[in-house]
Protein backbone atom coordinates (compact mmCIF):
# COMPACT_ATOMS: atom_id res chain seq x y z
CA MET A 1 -8.37 -4.17 -12.51
CA SER A 2 -10.72 -6.85 -11.19
CA ALA A 3 -14.00 -5.85 -9.56
CA LEU A 4 -13.22 -8.39 -6.81
CA ARG A 5 -9.93 -8.32 -4.94
CA THR A 6 -8.86 -10.54 -2.05
CA LEU A 7 -6.26 -9.56 0.55
CA LEU A 8 -5.04 -12.17 3.03
CA ALA A 9 -4.29 -10.94 6.54
CA PRO A 10 -1.09 -12.26 8.19
CA ASN A 11 -2.94 -13.98 11.05
CA PRO A 12 -2.72 -17.74 10.41
CA SER A 13 -3.79 -20.04 13.25
CA ALA A 14 -5.67 -23.24 13.97
CA MET A 15 -8.88 -21.17 14.03
CA THR A 16 -8.22 -18.90 11.01
CA LEU A 17 -6.44 -21.41 8.72
CA ASP A 18 -4.04 -19.38 6.54
CA GLY A 19 -5.51 -16.09 7.75
CA THR A 20 -8.54 -13.85 7.32
CA ARG A 21 -9.53 -12.95 3.77
CA SER A 22 -10.68 -9.37 3.29
CA TYR A 23 -12.69 -8.87 0.11
CA ILE A 24 -12.94 -5.64 -1.86
CA VAL A 25 -15.91 -5.41 -4.24
CA GLY A 26 -15.87 -2.51 -6.71
CA LEU A 27 -13.36 0.13 -7.73
CA ARG A 28 -14.51 3.76 -7.43
CA ARG A 29 -17.56 2.89 -5.33
CA ALA A 30 -16.24 0.00 -3.26
CA ALA A 31 -17.13 -2.17 -0.29
CA VAL A 32 -14.69 -3.95 2.02
CA ILE A 33 -16.01 -7.17 3.55
CA ASP A 34 -14.27 -8.13 6.82
CA PRO A 35 -11.25 -5.80 7.14
CA GLY A 36 -9.66 -8.39 9.42
CA PRO A 37 -7.41 -7.95 12.45
CA ASP A 38 -5.83 -4.71 13.62
CA ASP A 39 -2.54 -5.41 11.86
CA PRO A 40 -0.80 -2.34 10.40
CA ARG A 41 0.57 -4.32 7.45
CA HIS A 42 -2.92 -5.50 6.48
CA ILE A 43 -4.56 -2.12 7.05
CA ASP A 44 -1.89 -0.44 4.90
CA ALA A 45 -2.42 -3.01 2.14
CA LEU A 46 -6.19 -2.45 2.18
CA ALA A 47 -5.78 1.33 2.16
CA GLU A 48 -3.37 1.11 -0.79
CA ALA A 49 -5.78 -1.14 -2.70
CA LEU A 50 -8.52 1.45 -2.10
CA ALA A 51 -6.40 4.46 -3.09
CA ASP A 52 -8.51 5.18 -6.19
CA ALA A 53 -11.89 4.62 -4.52
CA GLU A 54 -14.07 7.69 -4.08
CA ARG A 55 -16.49 6.11 -1.58
CA VAL A 56 -15.93 3.01 0.57
CA THR A 57 -18.34 1.04 2.74
CA ILE A 58 -16.79 -1.16 5.44
CA LEU A 59 -18.85 -4.29 6.16
CA LEU A 60 -18.50 -7.00 8.80
CA THR A 61 -19.96 -10.49 8.62
CA HIS A 62 -19.73 -10.54 12.43
CA ARG A 63 -17.73 -8.90 15.20
CA HIS A 64 -15.07 -11.47 16.05
CA PRO A 65 -11.64 -9.79 16.34
CA ASP A 66 -10.09 -11.52 13.33
CA HIS A 67 -12.82 -9.97 11.17
CA ALA A 68 -13.66 -6.69 12.85
CA ASP A 69 -10.69 -5.24 14.75
CA GLY A 70 -9.24 -3.72 11.59
CA ALA A 71 -12.45 -1.78 10.84
CA ALA A 72 -11.71 1.33 12.92
CA PRO A 73 -8.05 1.66 11.80
CA LEU A 74 -9.09 1.22 8.17
CA ALA A 75 -11.84 3.84 8.54
CA ALA A 76 -9.28 6.22 10.04
CA ALA A 77 -6.87 5.57 7.17
CA LEU A 78 -9.57 6.23 4.55
CA GLY A 79 -10.95 9.30 6.30
CA SER A 80 -13.88 11.12 4.72
CA ARG A 81 -14.18 8.59 1.91
CA VAL A 82 -15.85 6.09 4.26
CA ASP A 83 -19.61 5.89 3.70
CA GLY A 84 -20.98 5.58 7.24
CA GLY A 85 -19.46 3.58 10.07
CA PRO A 86 -18.30 -0.04 9.79
CA ARG A 87 -21.32 -2.27 10.33
CA VAL A 88 -22.82 -5.74 10.19
CA PRO A 89 -25.58 -5.40 7.57
CA ALA A 90 -29.12 -6.31 8.54
CA GLU A 91 -31.31 -8.66 6.55
CA GLY A 92 -32.18 -7.04 3.23
CA ASP A 93 -29.74 -4.13 3.50
CA VAL A 94 -28.55 -3.09 0.04
CA ILE A 95 -24.99 -1.79 -0.26
CA PRO A 96 -24.23 -0.26 -3.67
CA THR A 97 -20.89 -0.70 -5.42
CA ASP A 98 -19.89 0.00 -9.00
CA ALA A 99 -19.62 -3.78 -9.46
CA GLY A 100 -23.23 -4.40 -8.43
CA ASP A 101 -25.20 -4.28 -5.20
CA LEU A 102 -24.42 -6.38 -2.14
CA VAL A 103 -27.44 -7.57 -0.14
CA GLY A 104 -27.38 -8.49 3.54
CA LEU A 105 -28.44 -12.02 4.50
CA ALA A 106 -29.06 -12.86 8.15
CA THR A 107 -27.19 -16.14 8.70
CA PRO A 108 -27.02 -16.72 12.48
CA GLY A 109 -25.46 -19.81 13.98
CA HIS A 110 -21.74 -19.12 14.24
CA THR A 111 -22.74 -15.98 16.14
CA PRO A 112 -26.22 -14.48 16.72
CA ASP A 113 -25.47 -11.44 14.52
CA HIS A 114 -23.70 -13.31 11.71
CA CYS A 115 -24.45 -11.93 8.25
CA ALA A 116 -23.54 -13.08 4.75
CA LEU A 117 -23.43 -10.80 1.71
CA HIS A 118 -25.17 -11.78 -1.52
CA TRP A 119 -23.65 -10.42 -4.75
CA PRO A 120 -26.42 -11.15 -7.28
CA THR A 121 -24.50 -9.70 -10.24
CA GLU A 122 -21.95 -12.53 -9.90
CA SER A 123 -24.22 -15.20 -8.34
CA ALA A 124 -21.85 -15.11 -5.36
CA ILE A 125 -22.16 -15.13 -1.58
CA PHE A 126 -19.56 -13.94 0.93
CA CYS A 127 -20.26 -16.30 3.84
CA GLY A 128 -17.94 -15.08 6.61
CA ASP A 129 -17.40 -17.93 9.07
CA LEU A 130 -20.44 -19.95 8.06
CA MET A 131 -18.08 -22.14 6.02
CA MET A 132 -14.30 -22.60 5.96
CA GLY A 133 -12.64 -23.11 2.57
CA GLY A 134 -11.10 -26.55 2.14
CA LEU A 135 -13.00 -27.97 5.12
CA ASP A 136 -16.38 -29.59 5.71
CA THR A 137 -17.06 -27.86 9.00
CA ALA A 138 -16.86 -24.50 10.77
CA LEU A 139 -16.98 -23.55 14.44
CA VAL A 140 -20.33 -23.45 16.23
CA ALA A 141 -19.50 -23.12 19.92
CA ALA A 142 -22.07 -22.96 22.71
CA GLY A 143 -22.27 -19.59 24.38
CA GLU A 144 -22.82 -17.64 21.18
CA GLY A 145 -23.22 -20.33 18.53
CA VAL A 146 -26.56 -22.12 18.07
CA LEU A 147 -26.50 -25.27 15.98
CA GLY A 148 -30.16 -25.17 14.93
CA ASP A 149 -29.73 -21.63 13.59
CA TYR A 150 -26.50 -22.64 11.88
CA LEU A 151 -28.12 -25.57 10.07
CA ALA A 152 -30.96 -23.30 8.93
CA SER A 153 -28.42 -20.79 7.60
CA LEU A 154 -26.61 -23.48 5.62
CA ASP A 155 -29.93 -24.66 4.20
CA ARG A 156 -30.81 -21.08 3.23
CA LEU A 157 -27.59 -20.70 1.25
CA ARG A 158 -28.19 -24.03 -0.47
CA ARG A 159 -31.69 -22.99 -1.55
CA MET A 160 -30.26 -19.80 -3.06
CA ALA A 161 -28.07 -21.93 -5.38
CA PRO A 162 -25.13 -19.51 -5.73
CA GLY A 163 -22.45 -20.09 -8.32
CA VAL A 164 -19.60 -19.48 -5.86
CA ILE A 165 -19.21 -18.93 -2.11
CA TYR A 166 -16.33 -16.89 -0.73
CA PRO A 167 -15.43 -17.74 2.90
CA ALA A 168 -13.39 -15.51 5.20
CA HIS A 169 -10.93 -18.36 5.73
CA GLY A 170 -9.67 -20.71 3.03
CA PRO A 171 -10.26 -20.79 -0.73
CA PRO A 172 -13.63 -20.24 -2.46
CA PHE A 173 -16.24 -22.95 -2.87
CA THR A 174 -16.69 -23.27 -6.64
CA ASP A 175 -19.23 -26.10 -6.32
CA PRO A 176 -21.39 -24.69 -3.51
CA ASP A 177 -24.21 -27.23 -3.69
CA THR A 178 -21.84 -30.16 -3.17
CA ALA A 179 -19.95 -28.30 -0.45
CA LEU A 180 -23.13 -27.38 1.43
CA ALA A 181 -24.34 -30.99 1.21
CA ARG A 182 -21.04 -32.09 2.77
CA TYR A 183 -21.39 -29.50 5.54
CA LEU A 184 -24.90 -30.64 6.40
CA GLU A 185 -23.93 -34.32 6.32
CA HIS A 186 -20.89 -33.63 8.52
CA ARG A 187 -23.20 -32.15 11.17
CA ALA A 188 -25.59 -35.08 10.93
CA ALA A 189 -22.67 -37.52 11.32
CA ARG A 190 -21.39 -35.65 14.39
CA GLU A 191 -24.85 -35.79 15.92
CA ARG A 192 -24.83 -39.56 15.46
CA GLN A 193 -21.41 -39.74 17.10
CA VAL A 194 -22.55 -37.69 20.09
CA LEU A 195 -25.62 -39.89 20.49
CA GLY A 196 -23.37 -42.95 20.22
CA ALA A 197 -21.05 -41.63 22.92
CA LEU A 198 -24.02 -41.09 25.24
CA ALA A 199 -25.35 -44.56 24.47
CA ALA A 200 -21.92 -45.98 25.34
CA GLY A 201 -22.10 -44.32 28.78
CA ALA A 202 -20.03 -41.16 28.27
CA ARG A 203 -21.02 -38.30 30.56
CA GLY A 204 -19.74 -34.72 30.85
CA LEU A 205 -18.34 -32.56 28.08
CA ARG A 206 -14.73 -33.70 28.43
CA GLU A 207 -15.57 -37.41 28.24
CA ILE A 208 -18.04 -37.01 25.37
CA ALA A 209 -15.57 -34.83 23.44
CA GLU A 210 -12.84 -37.45 23.86
CA ARG A 211 -15.17 -40.18 22.60
CA VAL A 212 -16.27 -38.17 19.57
CA TYR A 213 -13.05 -36.42 18.57
CA GLY A 214 -10.31 -38.64 20.01
CA GLY A 215 -7.06 -37.07 21.20
CA LEU A 216 -7.33 -33.30 21.22
CA ALA A 217 -4.59 -30.71 20.84
CA PRO A 218 -4.50 -28.67 24.07
CA GLU A 219 -5.15 -25.38 22.26
CA LEU A 220 -8.36 -26.81 20.75
CA ARG A 221 -9.78 -28.66 23.76
CA ASP A 222 -11.89 -25.80 25.13
CA TRP A 223 -13.34 -25.03 21.69
CA VAL A 224 -14.15 -28.68 21.03
CA GLU A 225 -15.92 -29.01 24.37
CA LEU A 226 -18.00 -25.93 23.54
CA THR A 227 -18.79 -27.47 20.16
CA VAL A 228 -19.95 -30.69 21.84
CA ARG A 229 -22.10 -28.61 24.17
CA ALA A 230 -23.69 -26.96 21.11
CA TYR A 231 -24.55 -30.41 19.74
CA LEU A 232 -26.00 -31.53 23.08
CA GLU A 233 -28.07 -28.37 23.45
CA HIS A 234 -29.39 -28.85 19.91
CA LEU A 235 -30.22 -32.51 20.57
CA GLU A 236 -31.93 -31.50 23.81
CA SER A 237 -33.94 -28.75 22.07
CA THR A 238 -35.16 -31.25 19.46
CA GLY A 239 -36.14 -33.83 22.09
CA ARG A 240 -33.49 -36.43 21.30
CA VAL A 241 -31.66 -36.25 24.63
CA ASN A 242 -32.59 -35.13 28.13
CA ALA A 243 -30.65 -32.69 30.28
CA GLU A 244 -29.85 -35.41 32.81
CA ASP A 245 -28.20 -37.44 30.05
CA TRP A 246 -25.19 -35.13 29.99
CA ARG A 247 -25.38 -32.18 32.38
């Protein structure tokens, strides 16, 4: 049996792609990364996969419902085998498994408490929602997302030079350096587009979002406007725009 197993939750959407990936690292001494939504089918599948585990640690990259709502039901299903409560690891936390330690990495940006898990034994990082497999961007929405922190987190992962990155949505990144370069360039290109929209006279989140992203699906409009706000707040914090330019 593989020391790494991936179970896909049945929660596909525009925001989760084909669903949330829950990762199990280890066999007898195991860790579950992002147990996913509170879906009985998924919880049962995780519990079955962990039937032979003697101790299980439940870890969250952050507390969004598609990652965290399954934590309490899974803990209840596993009972006394759970090693402490489900948690978002802090920077430097070491979580032992029989497939090697996992180490907490503070990677804010998507959310303030966002954490990635480094698996040094396999030169791997579980990145949560910092990256989305198959895409060159992930959500950073004003209100809880901070673009400056997000860019710093991407840069941190790039400097670590992992061999593979496992996102919570979409397939793994098997060429992380190239993928991270694309992610950083995508953000730089979007900044240029936002600045171009302002230079062309766009004002207000709705108008700027339409200029930058074009026609928007109704279910994505609010998220895109929050994303544009995150760009504007970042540009304002770095002195490239003034509040009166868009507020």
